[in-house]
Protein backbone atom coordinates (compact mmCIF):
# COMPACT_ATOMS: atom_id res chain seq x y z
CA MET A 1 84.92 151.23 49.37
CA SER A 2 82.72 154.09 48.17
CA SER A 3 82.74 157.27 50.16
CA PRO A 4 79.48 158.61 51.62
CA SER A 5 79.44 161.40 49.08
CA ARG A 6 79.69 158.91 46.19
CA VAL A 7 76.85 156.88 47.65
CA ALA A 8 74.74 160.04 47.72
CA ASP A 9 75.77 160.77 44.13
CA SER A 10 74.60 157.37 42.89
CA LYS A 11 71.31 157.45 44.78
CA TYR A 12 70.11 160.96 44.00
CA GLY A 13 71.87 161.73 40.74
CA GLY A 14 74.34 164.12 42.32
CA ALA A 15 75.46 165.07 45.78
CA PRO A 16 73.51 167.91 47.45
CA SER A 17 75.53 171.10 47.21
CA GLY A 18 74.41 172.42 50.59
CA ILE A 19 72.05 172.11 53.53
CA SER A 20 69.10 173.50 51.56
CA ASP A 21 69.61 170.94 48.79
CA LEU A 22 69.87 168.14 51.33
CA ARG A 23 66.64 169.28 52.98
CA ARG A 24 64.87 169.22 49.60
CA VAL A 25 66.17 165.73 48.82
CA LEU A 26 65.07 164.46 52.23
CA ALA A 27 61.64 166.08 51.87
CA ARG A 28 61.17 164.47 48.46
CA GLU A 29 62.17 161.05 49.77
CA LEU A 30 59.84 161.32 52.78
CA HIS A 31 56.96 162.38 50.57
CA ASP A 32 57.48 159.77 47.85
CA ARG A 33 58.26 156.84 50.13
CA VAL A 34 56.33 157.51 53.35
CA ALA A 35 53.59 160.09 52.81
CA GLN A 36 52.25 158.36 49.72
CA THR A 37 52.20 155.02 51.56
CA LEU A 38 50.23 156.49 54.46
CA THR A 39 47.80 158.10 52.03
CA THR A 40 47.27 154.78 50.26
CA MET A 41 46.60 153.17 53.64
CA LEU A 42 43.94 155.78 54.43
CA ILE A 43 42.22 155.25 51.09
CA SER A 44 42.36 151.45 51.49
CA LEU A 45 40.88 151.67 54.98
CA GLU A 46 38.07 153.88 53.70
CA ASN A 47 37.30 151.41 50.89
CA PHE A 48 37.37 148.48 53.35
CA LYS A 49 35.05 150.33 55.71
CA MET A 50 32.38 150.56 53.01
CA GLY A 51 32.06 146.77 53.10
CA GLN A 52 31.71 146.61 56.89
CA LEU A 53 28.68 148.87 57.42
CA GLY A 54 26.85 146.30 59.55
CA ASN A 55 29.74 145.51 61.88
CA GLN A 56 30.06 148.28 64.46
CA ASN A 57 33.07 146.77 66.24
CA VAL A 58 35.05 146.59 63.01
CA LEU A 59 33.97 150.10 62.08
CA ARG A 60 35.24 151.45 65.40
CA GLU A 61 38.60 149.73 64.95
CA ILE A 62 38.92 151.04 61.39
CA ALA A 63 38.09 154.55 62.58
CA GLU A 64 40.81 154.33 65.24
CA LEU A 65 43.32 153.11 62.64
CA GLN A 66 42.32 155.95 60.33
CA ASP A 67 42.76 158.51 63.09
CA SER A 68 46.20 157.16 63.98
CA THR A 69 47.28 157.07 60.34
CA ARG A 70 45.94 160.56 59.75
CA ASP A 71 47.82 161.88 62.80
CA ALA A 72 51.04 160.30 61.56
CA LEU A 73 50.51 161.79 58.11
CA MET A 74 49.79 165.22 59.55
CA ASN A 75 52.93 165.11 61.68
CA LEU A 76 54.95 164.03 58.67
CA ARG A 77 53.47 166.91 56.69
CA LEU A 78 54.60 169.34 59.39
CA VAL A 79 58.13 167.96 59.07
CA LEU A 80 57.95 168.31 55.28
CA TYR A 81 56.80 171.92 55.55
CA ASP A 82 59.75 172.69 57.83
CA LEU A 83 62.22 170.94 55.53
CA ARG A 84 60.91 172.83 52.50
CA GLY A 85 60.82 176.13 54.35
CA GLN A 86 57.07 176.46 53.75
CA THR A 87 54.77 178.46 55.98
CA GLY A 88 51.06 178.17 56.54
CA ILE A 89 48.38 180.62 55.45
CA ASP A 90 46.49 180.90 58.71
CA GLU A 91 45.33 184.48 58.19
CA GLY A 92 44.33 186.02 54.89
CA PHE A 93 43.40 182.70 53.29
CA THR A 94 40.64 184.30 51.24
CA GLU A 95 42.99 187.03 50.04
CA ASP A 96 45.58 184.43 49.05
CA VAL A 97 42.98 182.49 47.08
CA ARG A 98 41.83 185.69 45.40
CA ALA A 99 45.41 186.50 44.41
CA LEU A 100 45.85 182.95 43.08
CA LEU A 101 42.72 183.33 40.93
CA ASP A 102 43.85 186.73 39.65
CA ARG A 103 47.15 185.19 38.50
CA PHE A 104 45.30 182.26 36.93
CA GLN A 105 42.93 184.59 35.08
CA ASP A 106 45.77 186.76 33.80
CA LYS A 107 47.64 183.68 32.56
CA THR A 108 44.75 181.81 30.94
CA ARG A 109 42.37 184.64 30.02
CA LEU A 110 39.51 182.59 31.43
CA LYS A 111 36.68 184.23 33.33
CA VAL A 112 37.10 183.39 37.03
CA VAL A 113 34.58 184.05 39.81
CA LEU A 114 35.20 183.64 43.54
CA PHE A 115 32.29 183.16 45.95
CA VAL A 116 33.05 183.34 49.67
CA SER A 117 30.29 182.63 52.17
CA PRO A 118 30.03 185.15 55.02
CA PHE A 119 30.31 182.13 57.32
CA TRP A 120 33.72 181.13 55.98
CA PRO A 121 36.29 181.48 58.82
CA SER A 122 38.49 184.57 58.80
CA LYS A 123 41.28 182.65 60.53
CA MET A 124 42.17 178.99 60.04
CA ARG A 125 44.74 176.47 61.18
CA SER A 126 47.81 177.10 59.10
CA GLN A 127 48.13 173.54 57.79
CA ALA A 128 44.43 173.39 56.89
CA ALA A 129 44.75 176.65 54.97
CA LEU A 130 47.85 175.48 53.14
CA ASN A 131 46.33 172.11 52.16
CA LEU A 132 43.12 173.71 50.88
CA HIS A 133 45.17 176.29 48.97
CA ARG A 134 47.15 173.49 47.30
CA ILE A 135 43.91 171.66 46.37
CA ILE A 136 42.64 174.77 44.62
CA GLU A 137 45.98 175.18 42.83
CA GLU A 138 45.94 171.60 41.56
CA ALA A 139 42.30 171.80 40.47
CA LEU A 140 43.09 174.97 38.51
CA THR A 141 46.05 173.23 36.89
CA ASN A 142 43.71 170.48 35.69
CA VAL A 143 41.33 173.10 34.32
CA ARG A 144 44.14 174.77 32.41
CA LEU A 145 45.61 171.55 31.02
CA HIS A 146 42.58 169.37 30.34
CA SER A 147 39.21 171.11 30.38
CA ASP A 148 39.15 173.57 27.45
CA ALA A 149 36.92 175.66 29.73
CA ARG A 150 35.88 179.30 29.33
CA PHE A 151 34.62 179.87 32.87
CA VAL A 152 35.74 178.80 36.35
CA GLN A 153 34.02 179.32 39.69
CA VAL A 154 35.66 178.78 43.07
CA ALA A 155 33.40 178.65 46.14
CA LEU A 156 34.30 178.61 49.84
CA GLN A 157 31.26 177.75 51.92
CA PRO A 158 29.89 175.72 54.86
CA GLU A 159 27.60 172.72 54.57
CA VAL A 160 24.52 172.17 56.74
CA ASP A 161 26.14 169.19 58.51
CA GLY A 162 29.01 171.13 60.10
CA GLN A 163 31.47 170.60 57.27
CA PHE A 164 33.15 173.11 55.00
CA VAL A 165 33.56 172.86 51.24
CA VAL A 166 36.09 174.17 48.77
CA GLU A 167 34.65 173.81 45.27
CA VAL A 168 36.27 174.41 41.87
CA LYS A 169 33.82 174.19 38.96
CA ASP A 170 34.45 174.69 35.24
CA ASP A 171 32.32 174.63 32.08
CA GLY A 172 34.78 172.55 30.07
CA ARG A 173 34.57 169.33 28.09
CA GLY A 174 33.83 167.10 31.03
CA ALA A 175 34.22 163.36 31.49
CA ASP A 176 34.99 162.10 27.99
CA LYS A 177 38.19 164.02 27.46
CA GLU A 178 39.35 164.95 30.94
CA ALA A 179 41.61 161.93 31.35
CA GLY A 180 43.96 164.01 33.44
CA LEU A 181 41.53 163.99 36.34
CA ARG A 182 41.51 160.19 36.29
CA GLU A 183 45.28 159.83 36.39
CA PRO A 184 46.81 160.18 39.89
CA GLY A 185 50.06 161.37 38.37
CA LEU A 186 48.37 164.56 37.22
CA GLY A 187 47.22 165.65 40.63
CA LEU A 188 44.12 163.72 41.67
CA LEU A 189 46.00 161.60 44.19
CA GLY A 190 47.63 164.70 45.66
CA MET A 191 44.28 166.43 46.12
CA ARG A 192 42.80 163.32 47.72
CA GLU A 193 45.80 163.07 50.00
CA ARG A 194 45.37 166.63 51.25
CA ALA A 195 41.65 166.14 51.83
CA PHE A 196 42.31 162.93 53.77
CA ILE A 197 44.93 164.68 55.89
CA LEU A 198 42.20 167.08 57.03
CA GLY A 199 39.84 164.22 57.88
CA GLY A 200 37.73 164.92 54.82
CA ARG A 201 37.19 163.62 51.32
CA LEU A 202 37.48 164.69 47.72
CA GLU A 203 34.62 164.40 45.24
CA VAL A 204 34.99 164.78 41.47
CA GLU A 205 31.92 165.08 39.25
CA SER A 206 32.45 165.29 35.52
CA VAL A 207 29.73 165.29 32.84
CA ALA A 208 30.53 165.18 29.13
CA GLY A 209 29.94 168.58 27.61
CA GLU A 210 28.98 170.16 30.92
CA GLY A 211 32.28 170.51 32.77
CA THR A 212 33.87 169.23 35.96
CA THR A 213 33.41 170.00 39.64
CA VAL A 214 36.06 169.23 42.27
CA ARG A 215 34.91 169.45 45.90
CA ALA A 216 37.06 169.11 49.00
CA ILE A 217 34.81 168.51 52.02
CA VAL A 218 36.39 168.78 55.47
CA PRO A 219 35.04 168.81 59.05
CA ALA A 220 34.79 172.21 60.70
CA GLU A 221 36.99 171.14 63.63
CA GLN A 222 39.91 170.68 61.22
CA LEU A 223 39.79 174.34 60.18
CA PHE A 224 39.77 176.13 63.53
């Protein structure tokens, strides 16, 4: 009979050497097996809802299912943050984004501009701040890897309908060659997942020769 340690060796490619390694393995398994499934459920429910616009009873039931799934995903995310030893960015979000852009500019030599609306909150829920920060990081990674851009603008601003928007816009090659933005493995699914967690949505607009815009749109009540 195999010992527990040998079972762990065969499953993960090597036994965790300590508690921190075990926490990382568990976090990876929860994310890959559970979080991704919940995210797929949210996206499927949203797609199904688009075909039920005339049926208010069904729409209400779908909305309740989405809320329950989103709550479960958020709670799972909190567990993942604890397992990974991550902390939120509830204060100083703008400063953290500015520092991120400074590092990106130094590394890529691209011109980067940050616009922050005076109505952007000075303090946010820690998990909202962290998810939005990760969306910006992933969008910048796509710019660096796929866009051949010379200029990037990041905007943090409110919408007129009570929502808030994080926008990353570049002047790169756009739709024809930015295959990376169409492949979930390169970050699009992760960005959508984080937007869904916050009760929002992700929009990607890409025009050949004119660049790409990634917008995460989230309700105000998810930020405060």
